[in-house]
Amino acid sequence: MSEYLYHRLADEFAGLIAERVLQPGDRLPSVRRLATQKRLSVSTVLQALRQLEDRGLVEARPQAGFYVRRRGRLPAEPVAARKLSRPTFVGVNQLLMQVLHANEQPGVLPLGAAYPAPGLLPSLRMQRMFAKVARGRDDLLAVGSCVRGNDERLVRQIVRRSFDCGASLSPDEIVVTNSCTEALNLCLRAVAKPGDTIALESPTYFVLLQIIESLGLKALEIPTDPRTGISVEALELATRNGAVTACLLIPNANNPLGCIMPEENKRRVAQLLAERNVPLIEDDIYGDLHFEGARPWPIKAYDTAGNVMLCSSFSKTVSPALRVGYVAAGRYHAEVNLLKTLASGVTGAMPQAALAQFIEGGGFDRQVRHARRAFAAQVTRMADAVAEYFPAECLLSRPQGGFVLWVEMPRAVDALELHRAAVAEGIAFTPGQLFSASGRYRNCLRLNCGNPWDERFDAAVRRLGELVRVRIG
């Protein structure tokens, strides 16, 4: 009888997977929950799940449960560039704004901008936090300061959380900002002047290029591996002669590749740049959104000289509308703090207080755990869809965190021309040219995986694959 029961349960799940009710990356209910729902013993449920494993339909993940396996093998990964480029002034702003406006037209499916779906964010809980703070802190809307912009409770929570990732930040080095973008902007202004050269990953997040362009700086693109991040050897070569003024990196869940730099490489980069007196501006906005294992340490954790400025925000985990970020500026704190005061004054007291309350109550930790599971599943689904619908010649990144996917298409495909055709059919993405100062990656694109998967996204990726096939003949 027991044998019959576990076979029947295994067949039931196999049918749901075959009909795509359960899709790659979906998490199955826990063993105990299944046992309760189906009125079976735990051992019978485990036998059924092991049979599904033997059939290649599900996989067990340590301390996470059972997940539906992908349908087939993924394409190969893109290959990192091998040569350093020359420092170049950046010119992406005009083209980028055209793409962003096109991506946000009504009715266009949001595979372009890297935002989480609203339903994955704790908006209702944050509304309650705002209401609670407003009722209990009437001073927040009546008191102002030109120099005291940090909410002490929020800073305390940022410092407390830094211990979990080895950084051990000091309250005295933190400046709360209006988003991570402002933090990065302030850091660059603190250490560089027009005409200076900034070393950064290639490809890199287009907003970093926008900031560099707006400040009249030059970008030096350093070869970056889709699995291990920036080449430490190439960075060592680039910084030998003093031509690089500062370095700007996203070592944890790089945007757009999703890679996480190995810890030993982070240690080497911190030591190398400190020895050569090259400030490092570190964007750690995706650090909490790693998919497996312990939270990866930022390079800041290996900094003993105050040379690393760690920037982050809560826009990818709590709300992009909050506009609350921060920088732990190390020995550049005074310069960054002055520039912050002159540029935008203090960051809003109400959002800071509401966020501090949310973190203190444990809401942030729960939200991060939920977001990590959701994004890992959504990236898996997007990768499987690209593998199924795109031409076999396409290459695909293997993100270790975050929620974007990088696709390298055959050289015959111009991503900008493809983008125009896709937007005309209501499908957005971000062309690869925008992730380079020198116009590289014209045959690449980035897909946002921040939305729960449904038939609309499946159909959009299928159509996008068809548009690629037409262009390669």
Protein backbone atom coordinates (compact mmCIF):
# COMPACT_ATOMS: atom_id res chain seq x y z
CA MET A 1 0.00 0.00 0.00
CA SER A 2 2.81 2.43 0.96
CA GLU A 3 4.52 1.70 -2.35
CA TYR A 4 1.33 2.54 -4.22
CA LEU A 5 0.89 5.79 -2.29
CA TYR A 6 4.34 7.16 -2.97
CA HIS A 7 4.13 6.18 -6.64
CA ARG A 8 0.80 7.98 -6.89
CA LEU A 9 2.21 11.12 -5.25
CA ALA A 10 5.27 11.06 -7.52
CA ASP A 11 3.06 10.65 -10.59
CA GLU A 12 0.88 13.54 -9.47
CA PHE A 13 3.85 15.89 -9.28
CA ALA A 14 5.28 14.53 -12.53
CA GLY A 15 1.99 15.44 -14.22
CA LEU A 16 2.05 18.98 -12.83
CA ILE A 17 5.61 19.42 -14.09
CA ALA A 18 4.77 17.99 -17.54
CA GLU A 19 1.81 20.39 -17.85
CA ARG A 20 4.08 23.25 -16.69
CA VAL A 21 1.84 24.04 -13.75
CA LEU A 22 5.07 23.56 -11.79
CA GLN A 23 7.98 25.10 -13.67
CA PRO A 24 11.78 25.03 -13.33
CA GLY A 25 12.85 26.79 -10.17
CA ASP A 26 9.52 26.28 -8.35
CA ARG A 27 9.89 25.11 -4.78
CA LEU A 28 7.77 22.11 -3.78
CA PRO A 29 5.91 22.22 -0.45
CA SER A 30 7.95 21.02 2.51
CA VAL A 31 7.96 17.34 3.42
CA ARG A 32 5.94 17.93 6.58
CA ARG A 33 3.42 20.13 4.78
CA LEU A 34 2.93 17.51 2.07
CA ALA A 35 2.54 14.81 4.67
CA THR A 36 -0.19 16.86 6.37
CA GLN A 37 -1.94 17.85 3.14
CA LYS A 38 -1.94 14.36 1.64
CA ARG A 39 -2.43 12.53 4.97
CA LEU A 40 0.67 10.46 4.34
CA SER A 41 3.64 9.57 6.48
CA VAL A 42 6.83 11.60 6.20
CA SER A 43 8.68 8.52 4.95
CA THR A 44 6.13 7.99 2.14
CA VAL A 45 6.51 11.63 1.02
CA LEU A 46 10.30 11.32 1.06
CA GLN A 47 10.10 8.16 -1.07
CA ALA A 48 7.97 10.01 -3.61
CA LEU A 49 10.40 12.95 -3.75
CA ARG A 50 13.38 10.61 -4.15
CA GLN A 51 11.61 8.89 -7.02
CA LEU A 52 11.11 12.30 -8.66
CA GLU A 53 14.84 12.93 -8.16
CA ASP A 54 15.64 9.63 -9.85
CA ARG A 55 13.47 10.66 -12.80
CA GLY A 56 15.42 13.91 -13.06
CA LEU A 57 12.35 16.04 -12.37
CA VAL A 58 13.30 17.63 -9.05
CA GLU A 59 16.46 18.38 -7.13
CA ALA A 60 17.16 18.69 -3.42
CA ARG A 61 18.92 21.85 -2.25
CA PRO A 62 20.65 21.76 1.15
CA GLN A 63 18.54 23.40 3.87
CA ALA A 64 16.14 24.74 1.21
CA GLY A 65 13.93 21.83 0.16
CA PHE A 66 13.02 20.31 -3.22
CA TYR A 67 12.85 22.30 -6.45
CA VAL A 68 11.72 21.54 -10.00
CA ARG A 69 14.78 20.96 -12.18
CA ARG A 70 15.40 22.79 -15.45
CA ARG A 71 14.23 21.08 -18.62
CA GLY A 72 17.57 20.80 -20.40
CA ARG A 73 21.13 21.97 -20.50
CA LEU A 74 21.80 25.70 -20.51
CA PRO A 75 23.87 27.32 -23.25
CA ALA A 76 27.54 28.02 -22.59
CA GLU A 77 28.54 31.15 -20.68
CA PRO A 78 29.87 34.31 -22.34
CA VAL A 79 33.66 34.69 -22.47
CA ALA A 80 35.41 37.62 -20.78
CA ALA A 81 37.29 40.15 -22.90
CA ARG A 82 41.04 39.52 -22.78
CA LYS A 83 42.45 42.97 -23.49
CA LEU A 84 42.35 46.27 -21.66
CA SER A 85 40.69 49.11 -23.52
CA ARG A 86 42.00 52.67 -23.61
CA PRO A 87 40.57 55.22 -21.16
CA THR A 88 37.66 56.94 -22.89
CA PHE A 89 35.15 59.66 -22.20
CA VAL A 90 31.66 58.23 -21.84
CA GLY A 91 28.70 59.04 -24.09
CA VAL A 92 25.76 56.84 -23.10
CA ASN A 93 23.31 59.31 -21.58
CA GLN A 94 21.36 60.33 -24.68
CA LEU A 95 20.99 56.79 -26.00
CA LEU A 96 20.18 55.44 -22.54
CA MET A 97 17.36 57.91 -21.98
CA GLN A 98 15.85 56.95 -25.33
CA VAL A 99 15.92 53.26 -24.35
CA LEU A 100 14.54 53.89 -20.86
CA HIS A 101 11.65 55.98 -22.20
CA ALA A 102 10.83 53.29 -24.77
CA ASN A 103 10.95 50.58 -22.11
CA GLU A 104 8.45 52.42 -19.90
CA GLN A 105 5.76 53.01 -22.50
CA PRO A 106 2.31 51.81 -21.39
CA GLY A 107 1.75 48.15 -22.15
CA VAL A 108 5.42 47.23 -22.61
CA LEU A 109 6.38 44.12 -20.65
CA PRO A 110 9.05 45.09 -18.08
CA LEU A 111 12.10 43.02 -19.03
CA GLY A 112 14.28 46.14 -19.23
CA ALA A 113 14.76 48.12 -16.02
CA ALA A 114 16.09 46.11 -13.06
CA TYR A 115 13.23 46.60 -10.63
CA PRO A 116 11.50 43.95 -8.52
CA ALA A 117 7.80 43.38 -9.16
CA PRO A 118 5.71 45.47 -6.72
CA GLY A 119 4.12 42.30 -5.36
CA LEU A 120 7.51 41.07 -4.13
CA LEU A 121 8.10 44.19 -2.02
CA PRO A 122 6.75 44.77 1.52
CA SER A 123 4.75 47.87 0.56
CA LEU A 124 1.84 47.33 2.97
CA ARG A 125 4.18 46.65 5.88
CA MET A 126 6.15 49.80 5.07
CA GLN A 127 2.93 51.81 4.98
CA ARG A 128 2.20 50.59 8.50
CA MET A 129 5.72 51.57 9.54
CA PHE A 130 5.21 55.09 8.16
CA ALA A 131 1.86 55.42 9.96
CA LYS A 132 3.35 54.20 13.24
CA VAL A 133 6.31 56.56 13.00
CA ALA A 134 4.06 59.50 12.05
CA ARG A 135 1.84 58.91 15.09
CA GLY A 136 4.69 58.53 17.54
CA ARG A 137 7.28 61.00 16.20
CA ASP A 138 5.67 64.38 15.52
CA ASP A 139 9.13 65.97 15.78
CA LEU A 140 10.26 64.40 12.49
CA LEU A 141 8.32 66.88 10.38
CA ALA A 142 9.14 69.88 12.56
CA VAL A 143 12.88 69.66 13.23
CA GLY A 144 15.63 70.15 10.67
CA SER A 145 19.41 70.23 10.61
CA CYS A 146 22.09 71.11 8.07
CA VAL A 147 24.64 68.68 9.47
CA ARG A 148 22.79 65.92 11.37
CA GLY A 149 21.19 63.93 8.61
CA ASN A 150 21.51 60.36 9.85
CA ASP A 151 18.78 58.62 11.81
CA GLU A 152 20.73 57.07 14.70
CA ARG A 153 18.50 53.99 14.85
CA LEU A 154 18.93 53.35 11.14
CA VAL A 155 22.70 53.74 11.38
CA ARG A 156 22.71 51.34 14.33
CA GLN A 157 20.91 48.73 12.22
CA ILE A 158 23.26 49.22 9.27
CA VAL A 159 26.24 48.75 11.56
CA ARG A 160 24.67 45.71 13.25
CA ARG A 161 23.99 44.06 9.89
CA SER A 162 27.55 44.77 8.71
CA PHE A 163 28.84 42.25 11.26
CA ASP A 164 27.00 39.52 9.35
CA CYS A 165 29.16 40.12 6.28
CA GLY A 166 32.51 40.78 7.92
CA ALA A 167 32.59 44.52 7.29
CA SER A 168 32.29 45.83 10.89
CA LEU A 169 31.36 49.36 9.85
CA SER A 170 31.77 52.33 12.16
CA PRO A 171 28.80 54.68 12.78
CA ASP A 172 31.18 57.60 12.30
CA GLU A 173 31.90 56.72 8.66
CA ILE A 174 28.28 56.40 7.51
CA VAL A 175 26.42 59.02 5.49
CA VAL A 176 22.75 58.28 4.74
CA THR A 177 21.95 59.30 1.16
CA ASN A 178 19.08 59.65 -1.29
CA SER A 179 19.67 56.24 -2.94
CA CYS A 180 22.76 54.28 -3.83
CA THR A 181 23.12 56.38 -6.98
CA GLU A 182 23.65 59.52 -4.91
CA ALA A 183 26.16 57.67 -2.72
CA LEU A 184 28.20 56.61 -5.78
CA ASN A 185 28.00 60.10 -7.22
CA LEU A 186 29.24 61.70 -4.00
CA CYS A 187 32.12 59.23 -3.71
CA LEU A 188 33.34 59.92 -7.24
CA ARG A 189 33.13 63.66 -6.67
CA ALA A 190 35.09 63.28 -3.45
CA VAL A 191 38.11 61.60 -5.08
CA ALA A 192 38.15 62.57 -8.77
CA LYS A 193 38.08 65.66 -10.97
CA PRO A 194 37.13 66.11 -14.64
CA GLY A 195 39.51 64.26 -16.96
CA ASP A 196 40.54 61.66 -14.36
CA THR A 197 40.35 57.95 -15.21
CA ILE A 198 38.06 55.53 -13.34
CA ALA A 199 38.66 51.77 -13.65
CA LEU A 200 35.55 49.62 -13.70
CA GLU A 201 34.25 46.21 -14.73
CA SER A 202 33.29 45.45 -18.31
CA PRO A 203 30.38 45.09 -18.80
CA THR A 204 29.14 47.31 -15.99
CA TYR A 205 25.91 48.91 -14.82
CA PHE A 206 24.99 51.75 -17.16
CA VAL A 207 24.16 54.18 -14.30
CA LEU A 208 27.82 54.07 -13.28
CA LEU A 209 28.71 55.14 -16.81
CA GLN A 210 26.08 57.88 -16.63
CA ILE A 211 27.65 59.28 -13.47
CA ILE A 212 31.13 59.13 -14.96
CA GLU A 213 29.89 60.94 -18.07
CA SER A 214 28.11 63.64 -16.06
CA LEU A 215 31.30 64.36 -14.08
CA GLY A 216 33.52 64.59 -17.17
CA LEU A 217 35.58 61.54 -16.17
CA LYS A 218 37.14 58.82 -18.33
CA ALA A 219 36.26 55.14 -18.04
CA LEU A 220 38.83 52.34 -18.26
CA GLU A 221 37.10 49.01 -18.85
CA ILE A 222 38.77 46.05 -17.12
CA PRO A 223 38.12 42.50 -18.42
CA THR A 224 35.53 40.75 -16.24
CA ASP A 225 34.79 37.04 -16.05
CA PRO A 226 31.08 36.07 -16.01
CA ARG A 227 31.73 33.71 -13.09
CA THR A 228 34.52 35.29 -10.99
CA GLY A 229 34.25 38.99 -11.71
CA ILE A 230 36.94 41.50 -12.53
CA SER A 231 40.39 40.24 -13.55
CA VAL A 232 42.70 41.08 -10.66
CA GLU A 233 45.70 40.66 -12.97
CA ALA A 234 44.32 43.18 -15.46
CA LEU A 235 43.49 45.59 -12.64
CA GLU A 236 47.03 45.25 -11.31
CA LEU A 237 48.39 46.10 -14.76
CA ALA A 238 46.04 49.06 -15.20
CA THR A 239 47.01 50.68 -11.88
CA ARG A 240 50.80 50.34 -12.18
CA ASN A 241 51.64 53.75 -13.56
CA GLY A 242 49.32 55.96 -11.50
CA ALA A 243 46.99 56.70 -14.42
CA VAL A 244 43.91 55.37 -12.59
CA THR A 245 42.43 57.82 -10.09
CA ALA A 246 39.80 55.53 -8.56
CA CYS A 247 38.13 52.16 -9.03
CA LEU A 248 34.36 51.53 -9.15
CA LEU A 249 33.22 47.90 -8.73
CA ILE A 250 30.13 45.73 -8.13
CA PRO A 251 31.80 42.56 -6.73
CA ASN A 252 28.64 40.96 -5.29
CA ALA A 253 26.03 39.95 -7.92
CA ASN A 254 27.52 42.21 -10.55
CA ASN A 255 25.03 44.00 -12.76
CA PRO A 256 24.63 42.77 -15.53
CA LEU A 257 26.50 39.44 -15.15
CA GLY A 258 25.29 38.38 -11.71
CA CYS A 259 28.72 37.03 -10.71
CA ILE A 260 30.19 37.11 -7.20
CA MET A 261 33.91 37.71 -6.88
CA PRO A 262 35.75 34.98 -4.91
CA GLU A 263 36.73 36.06 -1.41
CA GLU A 264 40.46 35.69 -2.11
CA ASN A 265 40.12 38.01 -5.10
CA LYS A 266 38.35 40.57 -2.92
CA ARG A 267 41.22 40.43 -0.44
CA ARG A 268 43.76 40.92 -3.25
CA VAL A 269 41.88 43.88 -4.71
CA ALA A 270 41.60 45.59 -1.31
CA GLN A 271 45.33 45.16 -0.67
CA LEU A 272 46.38 46.15 -4.19
CA LEU A 273 44.39 49.37 -4.30
CA ALA A 274 45.37 50.38 -0.76
CA GLU A 275 49.05 49.90 -1.57
CA ARG A 276 48.71 52.07 -4.68
CA ASN A 277 46.51 54.66 -2.96
CA VAL A 278 43.69 54.14 -5.46
CA PRO A 279 40.31 54.67 -3.72
CA LEU A 280 37.75 51.93 -4.27
CA ILE A 281 34.06 52.77 -4.55
CA GLU A 282 32.10 49.57 -3.98
CA ASP A 283 28.47 49.15 -5.04
CA ASP A 284 26.98 46.42 -2.81
CA ILE A 285 23.31 46.97 -3.61
CA TYR A 286 22.76 43.29 -4.53
CA GLY A 287 24.89 41.80 -1.74
CA ASP A 288 21.87 40.61 0.27
CA LEU A 289 20.35 38.92 -2.78
CA HIS A 290 22.83 36.07 -3.20
CA PHE A 291 21.28 32.72 -4.06
CA GLU A 292 23.26 30.17 -2.04
CA GLY A 293 25.35 29.89 1.09
CA ALA A 294 26.29 32.65 3.52
CA ARG A 295 26.03 36.31 2.66
CA PRO A 296 29.13 37.16 0.56
CA TRP A 297 31.50 39.66 2.12
CA PRO A 298 32.08 42.99 0.42
CA ILE A 299 35.63 44.10 -0.42
CA LYS A 300 35.13 46.58 2.43
CA ALA A 301 35.48 43.65 4.85
CA TYR A 302 39.13 43.30 3.79
CA ASP A 303 39.91 47.02 3.98
CA THR A 304 42.30 47.98 6.78
CA ALA A 305 43.24 51.42 5.44
CA GLY A 306 39.86 53.14 5.16
CA ASN A 307 40.37 53.09 1.40
CA VAL A 308 37.02 51.49 0.43
CA MET A 309 33.77 53.45 0.22
CA LEU A 310 30.91 50.95 0.53
CA CYS A 311 27.66 52.10 -1.11
CA SER A 312 24.25 50.46 -0.93
CA SER A 313 20.53 51.11 -0.58
CA PHE A 314 17.23 49.39 0.16
CA SER A 315 15.71 49.92 -3.29
CA LYS A 316 16.09 46.31 -4.49
CA THR A 317 14.87 44.72 -1.27
CA VAL A 318 12.33 47.08 0.34
CA SER A 319 11.24 49.84 -2.05
CA PRO A 320 12.80 51.84 -4.89
CA ALA A 321 10.48 54.71 -3.91
CA LEU A 322 12.05 55.08 -0.45
CA ARG A 323 15.23 56.60 -1.94
CA VAL A 324 17.22 55.66 1.15
CA GLY A 325 20.82 54.58 0.65
CA TYR A 326 24.09 55.02 2.46
CA VAL A 327 27.84 55.07 2.10
CA ALA A 328 30.40 53.88 4.64
CA ALA A 329 33.07 56.26 3.39
CA GLY A 330 36.11 55.28 5.46
CA ARG A 331 38.79 57.99 5.43
CA TYR A 332 36.83 59.97 2.85
CA HIS A 333 33.90 60.55 5.21
CA ALA A 334 34.49 64.28 5.71
CA GLU A 335 34.62 65.00 1.96
CA VAL A 336 31.56 62.86 1.21
CA ASN A 337 29.57 64.35 4.08
CA LEU A 338 30.35 67.92 2.94
CA LEU A 339 29.37 67.14 -0.64
CA LYS A 340 26.14 65.52 0.56
CA THR A 341 25.25 68.64 2.55
CA LEU A 342 25.89 70.90 -0.42
CA ALA A 343 24.22 68.65 -3.01
CA SER A 344 20.92 67.68 -1.39
CA GLY A 345 20.98 68.41 2.32
CA VAL A 346 19.85 65.71 4.69
CA THR A 347 17.94 62.62 3.60
CA GLY A 348 14.26 62.57 4.61
CA ALA A 349 13.76 61.85 8.31
CA MET A 350 10.45 60.00 7.90
CA PRO A 351 11.69 57.33 5.44
CA GLN A 352 14.79 56.74 7.56
CA ALA A 353 12.76 56.29 10.75
CA ALA A 354 10.24 53.97 9.09
CA LEU A 355 13.00 51.86 7.61
CA ALA A 356 14.82 51.66 10.95
CA GLN A 357 11.60 50.42 12.59
CA PHE A 358 11.10 47.83 9.84
CA ILE A 359 14.62 46.44 10.29
CA GLU A 360 14.46 46.48 14.09
CA GLY A 361 11.26 44.43 14.06
CA GLY A 362 12.81 41.69 11.92
CA GLY A 363 10.81 42.58 8.83
CA PHE A 364 13.87 43.24 6.71
CA ASP A 365 15.47 39.86 7.40
CA ARG A 366 12.23 38.09 6.52
CA GLN A 367 11.85 40.17 3.37
CA VAL A 368 15.40 39.39 2.21
CA ARG A 369 14.90 35.65 2.68
CA HIS A 370 11.67 35.83 0.68
CA ALA A 371 13.23 37.96 -2.08
CA ARG A 372 16.27 35.70 -2.44
CA ARG A 373 14.10 32.62 -2.99
CA ALA A 374 11.82 34.43 -5.41
CA PHE A 375 14.62 35.93 -7.50
CA ALA A 376 16.58 32.67 -7.65
CA ALA A 377 13.48 30.90 -8.98
CA GLN A 378 12.69 33.67 -11.46
CA VAL A 379 16.24 33.76 -12.82
CA THR A 380 16.08 29.99 -13.29
CA ARG A 381 12.80 30.27 -15.19
CA MET A 382 14.11 33.04 -17.43
CA ALA A 383 17.30 31.09 -18.15
CA ASP A 384 15.30 28.00 -19.06
CA ALA A 385 13.06 30.01 -21.36
CA VAL A 386 16.05 31.60 -23.11
CA ALA A 387 17.65 28.16 -23.50
CA GLU A 388 14.45 26.82 -25.03
CA TYR A 389 13.46 29.69 -27.32
CA PHE A 390 16.68 31.46 -28.34
CA PRO A 391 19.03 30.10 -31.03
CA ALA A 392 21.53 27.51 -29.83
CA GLU A 393 24.42 29.85 -30.69
CA CYS A 394 23.46 32.25 -27.88
CA LEU A 395 25.50 32.31 -24.67
CA LEU A 396 24.01 32.81 -21.22
CA SER A 397 25.28 34.05 -17.87
CA ARG A 398 24.93 32.00 -14.65
CA PRO A 399 23.91 34.58 -12.03
CA GLN A 400 24.90 33.88 -8.45
CA GLY A 401 22.65 36.62 -7.11
CA GLY A 402 20.48 39.59 -8.08
CA PHE A 403 17.76 39.29 -10.70
CA VAL A 404 19.18 40.05 -14.14
CA LEU A 405 20.33 37.74 -16.93
CA TRP A 406 22.96 38.51 -19.60
CA VAL A 407 22.60 37.00 -23.07
CA GLU A 408 25.28 37.08 -25.78
CA MET A 409 23.81 36.60 -29.26
CA PRO A 410 25.58 35.89 -32.56
CA ARG A 411 27.51 38.87 -33.95
CA ALA A 412 24.99 39.33 -36.75
CA VAL A 413 22.44 40.61 -34.22
CA ASP A 414 22.45 44.33 -33.34
CA ALA A 415 20.84 44.64 -29.91
CA LEU A 416 19.68 48.22 -30.52
CA GLU A 417 17.90 47.29 -33.74
CA LEU A 418 16.44 44.23 -32.00
CA HIS A 419 15.27 46.47 -29.16
CA ARG A 420 13.35 48.74 -31.53
CA ALA A 421 11.61 45.72 -33.07
CA ALA A 422 10.84 44.21 -29.65
CA VAL A 423 9.40 47.42 -28.16
CA ALA A 424 7.11 47.72 -31.19
CA GLU A 425 5.67 44.36 -30.07
CA GLY A 426 5.43 45.36 -26.39
CA ILE A 427 8.63 43.68 -25.13
CA ALA A 428 11.39 45.57 -23.30
CA PHE A 429 15.02 44.70 -22.55
CA THR A 430 18.26 46.64 -22.21
CA PRO A 431 20.71 46.53 -25.15
CA GLY A 432 24.29 45.53 -24.34
CA GLN A 433 25.86 48.69 -25.79
CA LEU A 434 24.68 50.63 -22.76
CA PHE A 435 26.91 48.60 -20.44
CA SER A 436 30.13 49.75 -22.08
CA ALA A 437 31.90 53.09 -22.47
CA SER A 438 33.53 51.97 -25.70
CA GLY A 439 30.48 50.56 -27.47
CA ARG A 440 31.18 46.88 -26.80
CA TYR A 441 28.48 44.23 -26.41
CA ARG A 442 26.39 45.36 -29.41
CA ASN A 443 25.21 41.74 -29.76
CA CYS A 444 24.27 41.34 -26.09
CA LEU A 445 21.21 42.11 -24.00
CA ARG A 446 20.17 42.16 -20.35
CA LEU A 447 16.85 40.76 -19.16
CA ASN A 448 15.14 41.73 -15.93
CA CYS A 449 14.00 38.67 -13.92
CA GLY A 450 12.36 40.65 -11.13
CA ASN A 451 8.82 39.57 -11.98
CA PRO A 452 7.00 36.34 -11.02
CA TRP A 453 6.81 34.10 -14.08
CA ASP A 454 3.59 33.73 -16.00
CA GLU A 455 2.35 33.08 -19.54
CA ARG A 456 3.00 36.69 -20.61
CA PHE A 457 6.71 36.44 -19.87
CA ASP A 458 6.98 33.00 -21.42
CA ALA A 459 5.35 34.29 -24.61
CA ALA A 460 7.56 37.40 -24.61
CA VAL A 461 10.79 35.41 -24.38
CA ARG A 462 9.54 33.05 -27.07
CA ARG A 463 8.83 36.00 -29.39
CA LEU A 464 12.16 37.61 -28.56
CA GLY A 465 13.89 34.38 -29.52
CA GLU A 466 12.01 34.37 -32.83
CA LEU A 467 13.16 37.93 -33.54
CA VAL A 468 16.77 36.87 -32.88
CA ARG A 469 16.45 33.87 -35.20
CA VAL A 470 15.20 36.09 -38.03
CA ARG A 471 18.31 38.24 -37.72
CA ILE A 472 20.79 35.41 -37.96
CA GLY A 473 19.06 33.78 -40.95
